[in-house]
Amino acid sequence: MSDTPHKLADEFPDHRAQISHLKQVDGHFARICDEYAEINHTIHLAETDIEPTGDVRMTEMRKARMKLKDEIYGMLVHHEPEAEKLG
């Protein structure tokens, strides 16, 4: 069990500026980042026994966080700056 918060800036340190930028210009990206932050916070509270939860729920939350993290990473590495200029 880990009590380290998995903030996006720490998970993707090379993409900090891009994360900030995409949050401002891409509504979907901003929404999934918010979802990630919310579930990550809930997991952190459970891991530190501030708001304990069962093993099954913890596993479900961790899977959901990983899915969001994968989607965020995919958007970071496949982001096309030219598309912003067209929109």
PDB file of N, CA and C in Angstrom:
ATOM      1  N   MET A   1       0.838  -1.180   0.000  1.00  0.00           N
ATOM      2  CA  MET A   1       0.000   0.000   0.000  1.00  0.00           C
ATOM      3  C   MET A   1       0.885   1.246   0.000  1.00  0.00           C
ATOM      4  N   SER A   2       0.491   2.215  -0.759  1.00  0.00           N
ATOM      5  CA  SER A   2       1.271   3.434  -0.887  1.00  0.00           C
ATOM      6  C   SER A   2       0.462   4.610  -0.368  1.00  0.00           C
ATOM      7  N   ASP A   3       1.136   5.519   0.321  1.00  0.00           N
ATOM      8  CA  ASP A   3       0.418   6.713   0.774  1.00  0.00           C
ATOM      9  C   ASP A   3       0.909   7.950   0.022  1.00  0.00           C
ATOM     10  N   THR A   4       1.508   7.717  -1.142  1.00  0.00           N
ATOM     11  CA  THR A   4       1.996   8.812  -1.969  1.00  0.00           C
ATOM     12  C   THR A   4       0.901   9.257  -2.923  1.00  0.00           C
ATOM     13  N   PRO A   5       0.521  10.537  -2.881  1.00  0.00           N
ATOM     14  CA  PRO A   5      -0.478  10.988  -3.855  1.00  0.00           C
ATOM     15  C   PRO A   5       0.108  10.956  -5.260  1.00  0.00           C
ATOM     16  N   HIS A   6      -0.671  10.492  -6.199  1.00  0.00           N
ATOM     17  CA  HIS A   6      -0.210  10.350  -7.583  1.00  0.00           C
ATOM     18  C   HIS A   6      -0.720  11.520  -8.418  1.00  0.00           C
ATOM     19  N   LYS A   7      -0.247  12.716  -8.141  1.00  0.00           N
ATOM     20  CA  LYS A   7      -0.679  13.896  -8.886  1.00  0.00           C
ATOM     21  C   LYS A   7      -0.143  13.825 -10.309  1.00  0.00           C
ATOM     22  N   LEU A   8      -0.937  14.337 -11.242  1.00  0.00           N
ATOM     23  CA  LEU A   8      -0.543  14.261 -12.659  1.00  0.00           C
ATOM     24  C   LEU A   8       0.798  14.934 -12.929  1.00  0.00           C
ATOM     25  N   ALA A   9       1.047  16.052 -12.281  1.00  0.00           N
ATOM     26  CA  ALA A   9       2.319  16.756 -12.495  1.00  0.00           C
ATOM     27  C   ALA A   9       3.505  15.897 -12.061  1.00  0.00           C
ATOM     28  N   ASP A  10       3.290  15.057 -11.054  1.00  0.00           N
ATOM     29  CA  ASP A  10       4.354  14.163 -10.596  1.00  0.00           C
ATOM     30  C   ASP A  10       4.434  12.899 -11.459  1.00  0.00           C
ATOM     31  N   GLU A  11       3.295  12.471 -11.975  1.00  0.00           N
ATOM     32  CA  GLU A  11       3.265  11.284 -12.825  1.00  0.00           C
ATOM     33  C   GLU A  11       3.872  11.555 -14.194  1.00  0.00           C
ATOM     34  N   PHE A  12       3.658  12.778 -14.702  1.00  0.00           N
ATOM     35  CA  PHE A  12       4.143  13.165 -16.024  1.00  0.00           C
ATOM     36  C   PHE A  12       4.934  14.475 -15.929  1.00  0.00           C
ATOM     37  N   PRO A  13       6.078  14.474 -15.258  1.00  0.00           N
ATOM     38  CA  PRO A  13       6.813  15.724 -15.038  1.00  0.00           C
ATOM     39  C   PRO A  13       7.273  16.405 -16.331  1.00  0.00           C
ATOM     40  N   ASP A  14       7.507  15.634 -17.379  1.00  0.00           N
ATOM     41  CA  ASP A  14       7.944  16.214 -18.653  1.00  0.00           C
ATOM     42  C   ASP A  14       6.801  16.868 -19.427  1.00  0.00           C
ATOM     43  N   HIS A  15       5.580  16.680 -18.940  1.00  0.00           N
ATOM     44  CA  HIS A  15       4.408  17.191 -19.643  1.00  0.00           C
ATOM     45  C   HIS A  15       3.643  18.240 -18.826  1.00  0.00           C
ATOM     46  N   ARG A  16       4.252  18.792 -17.805  1.00  0.00           N
ATOM     47  CA  ARG A  16       3.546  19.740 -16.930  1.00  0.00           C
ATOM     48  C   ARG A  16       2.948  20.920 -17.686  1.00  0.00           C
ATOM     49  N   ALA A  17       3.735  21.547 -18.540  1.00  0.00           N
ATOM     50  CA  ALA A  17       3.240  22.706 -19.292  1.00  0.00           C
ATOM     51  C   ALA A  17       2.128  22.289 -20.245  1.00  0.00           C
ATOM     52  N   GLN A  18       2.287  21.155 -20.873  1.00  0.00           N
ATOM     53  CA  GLN A  18       1.276  20.673 -21.810  1.00  0.00           C
ATOM     54  C   GLN A  18      -0.026  20.332 -21.078  1.00  0.00           C
ATOM     55  N   ILE A  19       0.067  19.744 -19.895  1.00  0.00           N
ATOM     56  CA  ILE A  19      -1.126  19.438 -19.101  1.00  0.00           C
ATOM     57  C   ILE A  19      -1.876  20.725 -18.784  1.00  0.00           C
ATOM     58  N   SER A  20      -1.154  21.710 -18.326  1.00  0.00           N
ATOM     59  CA  SER A  20      -1.777  22.991 -17.998  1.00  0.00           C
ATOM     60  C   SER A  20      -2.450  23.613 -19.224  1.00  0.00           C
ATOM     61  N   HIS A  21      -1.759  23.594 -20.342  1.00  0.00           N
ATOM     62  CA  HIS A  21      -2.293  24.170 -21.573  1.00  0.00           C
ATOM     63  C   HIS A  21      -3.548  23.424 -22.034  1.00  0.00           C
ATOM     64  N   LEU A  22      -3.474  22.099 -22.074  1.00  0.00           N
ATOM     65  CA  LEU A  22      -4.606  21.318 -22.557  1.00  0.00           C
ATOM     66  C   LEU A  22      -5.825  21.460 -21.653  1.00  0.00           C
ATOM     67  N   LYS A  23      -5.607  21.626 -20.365  1.00  0.00           N
ATOM     68  CA  LYS A  23      -6.734  21.847 -19.449  1.00  0.00           C
ATOM     69  C   LYS A  23      -7.495  23.117 -19.820  1.00  0.00           C
ATOM     70  N   GLN A  24      -6.791  24.083 -20.360  1.00  0.00           N
ATOM     71  CA  GLN A  24      -7.404  25.358 -20.719  1.00  0.00           C
ATOM     72  C   GLN A  24      -8.096  25.320 -22.081  1.00  0.00           C
ATOM     73  N   VAL A  25      -7.604  24.508 -22.999  1.00  0.00           N
ATOM     74  CA  VAL A  25      -8.136  24.549 -24.366  1.00  0.00           C
ATOM     75  C   VAL A  25      -8.963  23.326 -24.764  1.00  0.00           C
ATOM     76  N   ASP A  26      -8.920  22.275 -23.989  1.00  0.00           N
ATOM     77  CA  ASP A  26      -9.623  21.039 -24.340  1.00  0.00           C
ATOM     78  C   ASP A  26     -10.527  20.626 -23.183  1.00  0.00           C
ATOM     79  N   GLY A  27     -11.824  20.809 -23.366  1.00  0.00           N
ATOM     80  CA  GLY A  27     -12.791  20.509 -22.312  1.00  0.00           C
ATOM     81  C   GLY A  27     -12.778  19.059 -21.878  1.00  0.00           C
ATOM     82  N   HIS A  28     -12.642  18.139 -22.839  1.00  0.00           N
ATOM     83  CA  HIS A  28     -12.601  16.714 -22.489  1.00  0.00           C
ATOM     84  C   HIS A  28     -11.361  16.409 -21.650  1.00  0.00           C
ATOM     85  N   PHE A  29     -10.233  16.943 -22.059  1.00  0.00           N
ATOM     86  CA  PHE A  29      -8.993  16.724 -21.301  1.00  0.00           C
ATOM     87  C   PHE A  29      -9.141  17.270 -19.883  1.00  0.00           C
ATOM     88  N   ALA A  30      -9.704  18.463 -19.750  1.00  0.00           N
ATOM     89  CA  ALA A  30      -9.905  19.068 -18.426  1.00  0.00           C
ATOM     90  C   ALA A  30     -10.814  18.198 -17.568  1.00  0.00           C
ATOM     91  N   ARG A  31     -11.869  17.657 -18.169  1.00  0.00           N
ATOM     92  CA  ARG A  31     -12.813  16.829 -17.418  1.00  0.00           C
ATOM     93  C   ARG A  31     -12.152  15.545 -16.917  1.00  0.00           C
ATOM     94  N   ILE A  32     -11.381  14.864 -17.768  1.00  0.00           N
ATOM     95  CA  ILE A  32     -10.765  13.626 -17.305  1.00  0.00           C
ATOM     96  C   ILE A  32      -9.654  13.903 -16.289  1.00  0.00           C
ATOM     97  N   CYS A  33      -9.006  15.055 -16.397  1.00  0.00           N
ATOM     98  CA  CYS A  33      -8.017  15.431 -15.376  1.00  0.00           C
ATOM     99  C   CYS A  33      -8.710  15.671 -14.037  1.00  0.00           C
ATOM    100  N   ASP A  34      -9.875  16.307 -14.067  1.00  0.00           N
ATOM    101  CA  ASP A  34     -10.647  16.517 -12.840  1.00  0.00           C
ATOM    102  C   ASP A  34     -11.100  15.192 -12.246  1.00  0.00           C
ATOM    103  N   GLU A  35     -11.560  14.284 -13.096  1.00  0.00           N
ATOM    104  CA  GLU A  35     -11.967  12.954 -12.632  1.00  0.00           C
ATOM    105  C   GLU A  35     -10.779  12.231 -12.000  1.00  0.00           C
ATOM    106  N   TYR A  36      -9.630  12.315 -12.658  1.00  0.00           N
ATOM    107  CA  TYR A  36      -8.418  11.682 -12.141  1.00  0.00           C
ATOM    108  C   TYR A  36      -8.084  12.256 -10.757  1.00  0.00           C
ATOM    109  N   ALA A  37      -8.108  13.577 -10.632  1.00  0.00           N
ATOM    110  CA  ALA A  37      -7.769  14.217  -9.361  1.00  0.00           C
ATOM    111  C   ALA A  37      -8.739  13.799  -8.265  1.00  0.00           C
ATOM    112  N   GLU A  38     -10.014  13.707  -8.599  1.00  0.00           N
ATOM    113  CA  GLU A  38     -11.022  13.333  -7.607  1.00  0.00           C
ATOM    114  C   GLU A  38     -10.828  11.903  -7.118  1.00  0.00           C
ATOM    115  N   ILE A  39     -10.671  10.957  -8.045  1.00  0.00           N
ATOM    116  CA  ILE A  39     -10.505   9.567  -7.627  1.00  0.00           C
ATOM    117  C   ILE A  39      -9.152   9.363  -6.954  1.00  0.00           C
ATOM    118  N   ASN A  40      -8.152  10.084  -7.412  1.00  0.00           N
ATOM    119  CA  ASN A  40      -6.831   9.996  -6.794  1.00  0.00           C
ATOM    120  C   ASN A  40      -6.884  10.471  -5.343  1.00  0.00           C
ATOM    121  N   HIS A  41      -7.613  11.546  -5.106  1.00  0.00           N
ATOM    122  CA  HIS A  41      -7.767  12.069  -3.749  1.00  0.00           C
ATOM    123  C   HIS A  41      -8.498  11.055  -2.862  1.00  0.00           C
ATOM    124  N   THR A  42      -9.540  10.448  -3.395  1.00  0.00           N
ATOM    125  CA  THR A  42     -10.300   9.446  -2.646  1.00  0.00           C
ATOM    126  C   THR A  42      -9.418   8.248  -2.294  1.00  0.00           C
ATOM    127  N   ILE A  43      -8.617   7.808  -3.251  1.00  0.00           N
ATOM    128  CA  ILE A  43      -7.693   6.693  -3.002  1.00  0.00           C
ATOM    129  C   ILE A  43      -6.688   7.073  -1.923  1.00  0.00           C
ATOM    130  N   HIS A  44      -6.153   8.283  -2.014  1.00  0.00           N
ATOM    131  CA  HIS A  44      -5.167   8.733  -1.031  1.00  0.00           C
ATOM    132  C   HIS A  44      -5.773   8.751   0.378  1.00  0.00           C
ATOM    133  N   LEU A  45      -7.008   9.226   0.500  1.00  0.00           N
ATOM    134  CA  LEU A  45      -7.673   9.231   1.810  1.00  0.00           C
ATOM    135  C   LEU A  45      -7.849   7.814   2.342  1.00  0.00           C
ATOM    136  N   ALA A  46      -8.174   6.878   1.459  1.00  0.00           N
ATOM    137  CA  ALA A  46      -8.338   5.489   1.877  1.00  0.00           C
ATOM    138  C   ALA A  46      -6.994   4.861   2.265  1.00  0.00           C
ATOM    139  N   GLU A  47      -5.970   5.136   1.482  1.00  0.00           N
ATOM    140  CA  GLU A  47      -4.654   4.548   1.761  1.00  0.00           C
ATOM    141  C   GLU A  47      -4.058   5.053   3.067  1.00  0.00           C
ATOM    142  N   THR A  48      -4.384   6.260   3.433  1.00  0.00           N
ATOM    143  CA  THR A  48      -3.843   6.827   4.673  1.00  0.00           C
ATOM    144  C   THR A  48      -4.785   6.618   5.851  1.00  0.00           C
ATOM    145  N   ASP A  49      -5.821   5.803   5.645  1.00  0.00           N
ATOM    146  CA  ASP A  49      -6.809   5.455   6.675  1.00  0.00           C
ATOM    147  C   ASP A  49      -7.588   6.651   7.212  1.00  0.00           C
ATOM    148  N   ILE A  50      -7.630   7.733   6.468  1.00  0.00           N
ATOM    149  CA  ILE A  50      -8.473   8.863   6.846  1.00  0.00           C
ATOM    150  C   ILE A  50      -9.926   8.499   6.557  1.00  0.00           C
ATOM    151  N   GLU A  51     -10.153   7.869   5.399  1.00  0.00           N
ATOM    152  CA  GLU A  51     -11.471   7.353   5.028  1.00  0.00           C
ATOM    153  C   GLU A  51     -11.280   5.947   4.475  1.00  0.00           C
ATOM    154  N   PRO A  52     -11.110   4.964   5.366  1.00  0.00           N
ATOM    155  CA  PRO A  52     -10.842   3.591   4.924  1.00  0.00           C
ATOM    156  C   PRO A  52     -11.966   3.040   4.036  1.00  0.00           C
ATOM    157  N   THR A  53     -11.595   2.094   3.189  1.00  0.00           N
ATOM    158  CA  THR A  53     -12.565   1.432   2.310  1.00  0.00           C
ATOM    159  C   THR A  53     -12.172  -0.029   2.180  1.00  0.00           C
ATOM    160  N   GLY A  54     -13.061  -0.822   1.632  1.00  0.00           N
ATOM    161  CA  GLY A  54     -12.791  -2.245   1.458  1.00  0.00           C
ATOM    162  C   GLY A  54     -11.833  -2.514   0.311  1.00  0.00           C
ATOM    163  N   ASP A  55     -11.293  -3.723   0.313  1.00  0.00           N
ATOM    164  CA  ASP A  55     -10.323  -4.115  -0.706  1.00  0.00           C
ATOM    165  C   ASP A  55     -10.902  -4.091  -2.114  1.00  0.00           C
ATOM    166  N   VAL A  56     -12.147  -4.557  -2.257  1.00  0.00           N
ATOM    167  CA  VAL A  56     -12.764  -4.593  -3.576  1.00  0.00           C
ATOM    168  C   VAL A  56     -12.940  -3.175  -4.109  1.00  0.00           C
ATOM    169  N   ARG A  57     -13.446  -2.277  -3.275  1.00  0.00           N
ATOM    170  CA  ARG A  57     -13.642  -0.888  -3.698  1.00  0.00           C
ATOM    171  C   ARG A  57     -12.300  -0.233  -4.033  1.00  0.00           C
ATOM    172  N   MET A  58     -11.277  -0.509  -3.235  1.00  0.00           N
ATOM    173  CA  MET A  58      -9.955   0.055  -3.485  1.00  0.00           C
ATOM    174  C   MET A  58      -9.427  -0.411  -4.839  1.00  0.00           C
ATOM    175  N   THR A  59      -9.601  -1.679  -5.147  1.00  0.00           N
ATOM    176  CA  THR A  59      -9.157  -2.218  -6.423  1.00  0.00           C
ATOM    177  C   THR A  59      -9.904  -1.556  -7.574  1.00  0.00           C
ATOM    178  N   GLU A  60     -11.209  -1.385  -7.423  1.00  0.00           N
ATOM    179  CA  GLU A  60     -12.008  -0.724  -8.461  1.00  0.00           C
ATOM    180  C   GLU A  60     -11.531   0.706  -8.691  1.00  0.00           C
ATOM    181  N   MET A  61     -11.274   1.424  -7.610  1.00  0.00           N
ATOM    182  CA  MET A  61     -10.827   2.814  -7.738  1.00  0.00           C
ATOM    183  C   MET A  61      -9.455   2.890  -8.392  1.00  0.00           C
ATOM    184  N   ARG A  62      -8.566   1.998  -8.028  1.00  0.00           N
ATOM    185  CA  ARG A  62      -7.227   1.998  -8.633  1.00  0.00           C
ATOM    186  C   ARG A  62      -7.286   1.689 -10.128  1.00  0.00           C
ATOM    187  N   LYS A  63      -8.168   0.774 -10.510  1.00  0.00           N
ATOM    188  CA  LYS A  63      -8.338   0.467 -11.938  1.00  0.00           C
ATOM    189  C   LYS A  63      -8.890   1.674 -12.679  1.00  0.00           C
ATOM    190  N   ALA A  64      -9.858   2.353 -12.071  1.00  0.00           N
ATOM    191  CA  ALA A  64     -10.432   3.547 -12.700  1.00  0.00           C
ATOM    192  C   ALA A  64      -9.377   4.635 -12.854  1.00  0.00           C
ATOM    193  N   ARG A  65      -8.546   4.811 -11.817  1.00  0.00           N
ATOM    194  CA  ARG A  65      -7.478   5.815 -11.886  1.00  0.00           C
ATOM    195  C   ARG A  65      -6.488   5.469 -12.989  1.00  0.00           C
ATOM    196  N   MET A  66      -6.137   4.207 -13.104  1.00  0.00           N
ATOM    197  CA  MET A  66      -5.191   3.782 -14.139  1.00  0.00           C
ATOM    198  C   MET A  66      -5.776   4.007 -15.530  1.00  0.00           C
ATOM    199  N   LYS A  67      -7.053   3.724 -15.703  1.00  0.00           N
ATOM    200  CA  LYS A  67      -7.701   3.937 -16.997  1.00  0.00           C
ATOM    201  C   LYS A  67      -7.669   5.424 -17.369  1.00  0.00           C
ATOM    202  N   LEU A  68      -7.971   6.289 -16.412  1.00  0.00           N
ATOM    203  CA  LEU A  68      -7.920   7.724 -16.670  1.00  0.00           C
ATOM    204  C   LEU A  68      -6.495   8.175 -16.980  1.00  0.00           C
ATOM    205  N   LYS A  69      -5.554   7.659 -16.222  1.00  0.00           N
ATOM    206  CA  LYS A  69      -4.143   8.021 -16.442  1.00  0.00           C
ATOM    207  C   LYS A  69      -3.690   7.595 -17.837  1.00  0.00           C
ATOM    208  N   ASP A  70      -4.108   6.406 -18.268  1.00  0.00           N
ATOM    209  CA  ASP A  70      -3.767   5.942 -19.616  1.00  0.00           C
ATOM    210  C   ASP A  70      -4.377   6.843 -20.676  1.00  0.00           C
ATOM    211  N   GLU A  71      -5.628   7.254 -20.462  1.00  0.00           N
ATOM    212  CA  GLU A  71      -6.288   8.135 -21.430  1.00  0.00           C
ATOM    213  C   GLU A  71      -5.593   9.495 -21.480  1.00  0.00           C
ATOM    214  N   ILE A  72      -5.233  10.012 -20.324  1.00  0.00           N
ATOM    215  CA  ILE A  72      -4.533  11.299 -20.259  1.00  0.00           C
ATOM    216  C   ILE A  72      -3.190  11.200 -20.978  1.00  0.00           C
ATOM    217  N   TYR A  73      -2.447  10.146 -20.702  1.00  0.00           N
ATOM    218  CA  TYR A  73      -1.152   9.980 -21.353  1.00  0.00           C
ATOM    219  C   TYR A  73      -1.313   9.874 -22.866  1.00  0.00           C
ATOM    220  N   GLY A  74      -2.305   9.122 -23.300  1.00  0.00           N
ATOM    221  CA  GLY A  74      -2.549   8.996 -24.729  1.00  0.00           C
ATOM    222  C   GLY A  74      -2.821  10.344 -25.377  1.00  0.00           C
ATOM    223  N   MET A  75      -3.584  11.182 -24.693  1.00  0.00           N
ATOM    224  CA  MET A  75      -3.866  12.508 -25.233  1.00  0.00           C
ATOM    225  C   MET A  75      -2.617  13.378 -25.235  1.00  0.00           C
ATOM    226  N   LEU A  76      -1.761  13.211 -24.242  1.00  0.00           N
ATOM    227  CA  LEU A  76      -0.533  14.002 -24.177  1.00  0.00           C
ATOM    228  C   LEU A  76       0.421  13.653 -25.320  1.00  0.00           C
ATOM    229  N   VAL A  77       0.566  12.376 -25.603  1.00  0.00           N
ATOM    230  CA  VAL A  77       1.539  11.976 -26.622  1.00  0.00           C
ATOM    231  C   VAL A  77       0.983  12.056 -28.039  1.00  0.00           C
ATOM    232  N   HIS A  78      -0.324  12.109 -28.188  1.00  0.00           N
ATOM    233  CA  HIS A  78      -0.927  12.187 -29.521  1.00  0.00           C
ATOM    234  C   HIS A  78      -1.544  13.541 -29.811  1.00  0.00           C
ATOM    235  N   HIS A  79      -1.301  14.497 -28.935  1.00  0.00           N
ATOM    236  CA  HIS A  79      -1.866  15.835 -29.109  1.00  0.00           C
ATOM    237  C   HIS A  79      -1.259  16.493 -30.343  1.00  0.00           C
ATOM    238  N   GLU A  80      -2.117  17.070 -31.148  1.00  0.00           N
ATOM    239  CA  GLU A  80      -1.668  17.740 -32.365  1.00  0.00           C
ATOM    240  C   GLU A  80      -1.942  19.236 -32.240  1.00  0.00           C
ATOM    241  N   PRO A  81      -0.915  20.048 -31.989  1.00  0.00           N
ATOM    242  CA  PRO A  81      -1.103  21.495 -31.816  1.00  0.00           C
ATOM    243  C   PRO A  81      -1.810  22.158 -32.994  1.00  0.00           C
ATOM    244  N   GLU A  82      -1.634  21.654 -34.200  1.00  0.00           N
ATOM    245  CA  GLU A  82      -2.262  22.253 -35.374  1.00  0.00           C
ATOM    246  C   GLU A  82      -3.784  22.183 -35.283  1.00  0.00           C
ATOM    247  N   ALA A  83      -4.314  21.168 -34.622  1.00  0.00           N
ATOM    248  CA  ALA A  83      -5.765  21.014 -34.512  1.00  0.00           C
ATOM    249  C   ALA A  83      -6.379  22.173 -33.724  1.00  0.00           C
ATOM    250  N   GLU A  84      -5.654  22.707 -32.756  1.00  0.00           N
ATOM    251  CA  GLU A  84      -6.144  23.842 -31.964  1.00  0.00           C
ATOM    252  C   GLU A  84      -6.328  25.064 -32.848  1.00  0.00           C
ATOM    253  N   LYS A  85      -5.431  25.255 -33.800  1.00  0.00           N
ATOM    254  CA  LYS A  85      -5.499  26.430 -34.662  1.00  0.00           C
ATOM    255  C   LYS A  85      -6.723  26.368 -35.581  1.00  0.00           C
ATOM    256  N   LEU A  86      -7.141  25.155 -35.917  1.00  0.00           N
ATOM    257  CA  LEU A  86      -8.289  24.988 -36.801  1.00  0.00           C
ATOM    258  C   LEU A  86      -9.607  25.226 -36.065  1.00  0.00           C
ATOM    259  N   GLY A  87      -9.628  24.940 -34.747  1.00  0.00           N
ATOM    260  CA  GLY A  87     -10.851  25.044 -33.962  1.00  0.00           C
ATOM    261  C   GLY A  87     -11.111  26.401 -33.520  1.00  0.00           C
TER     262      GLY A  87
END
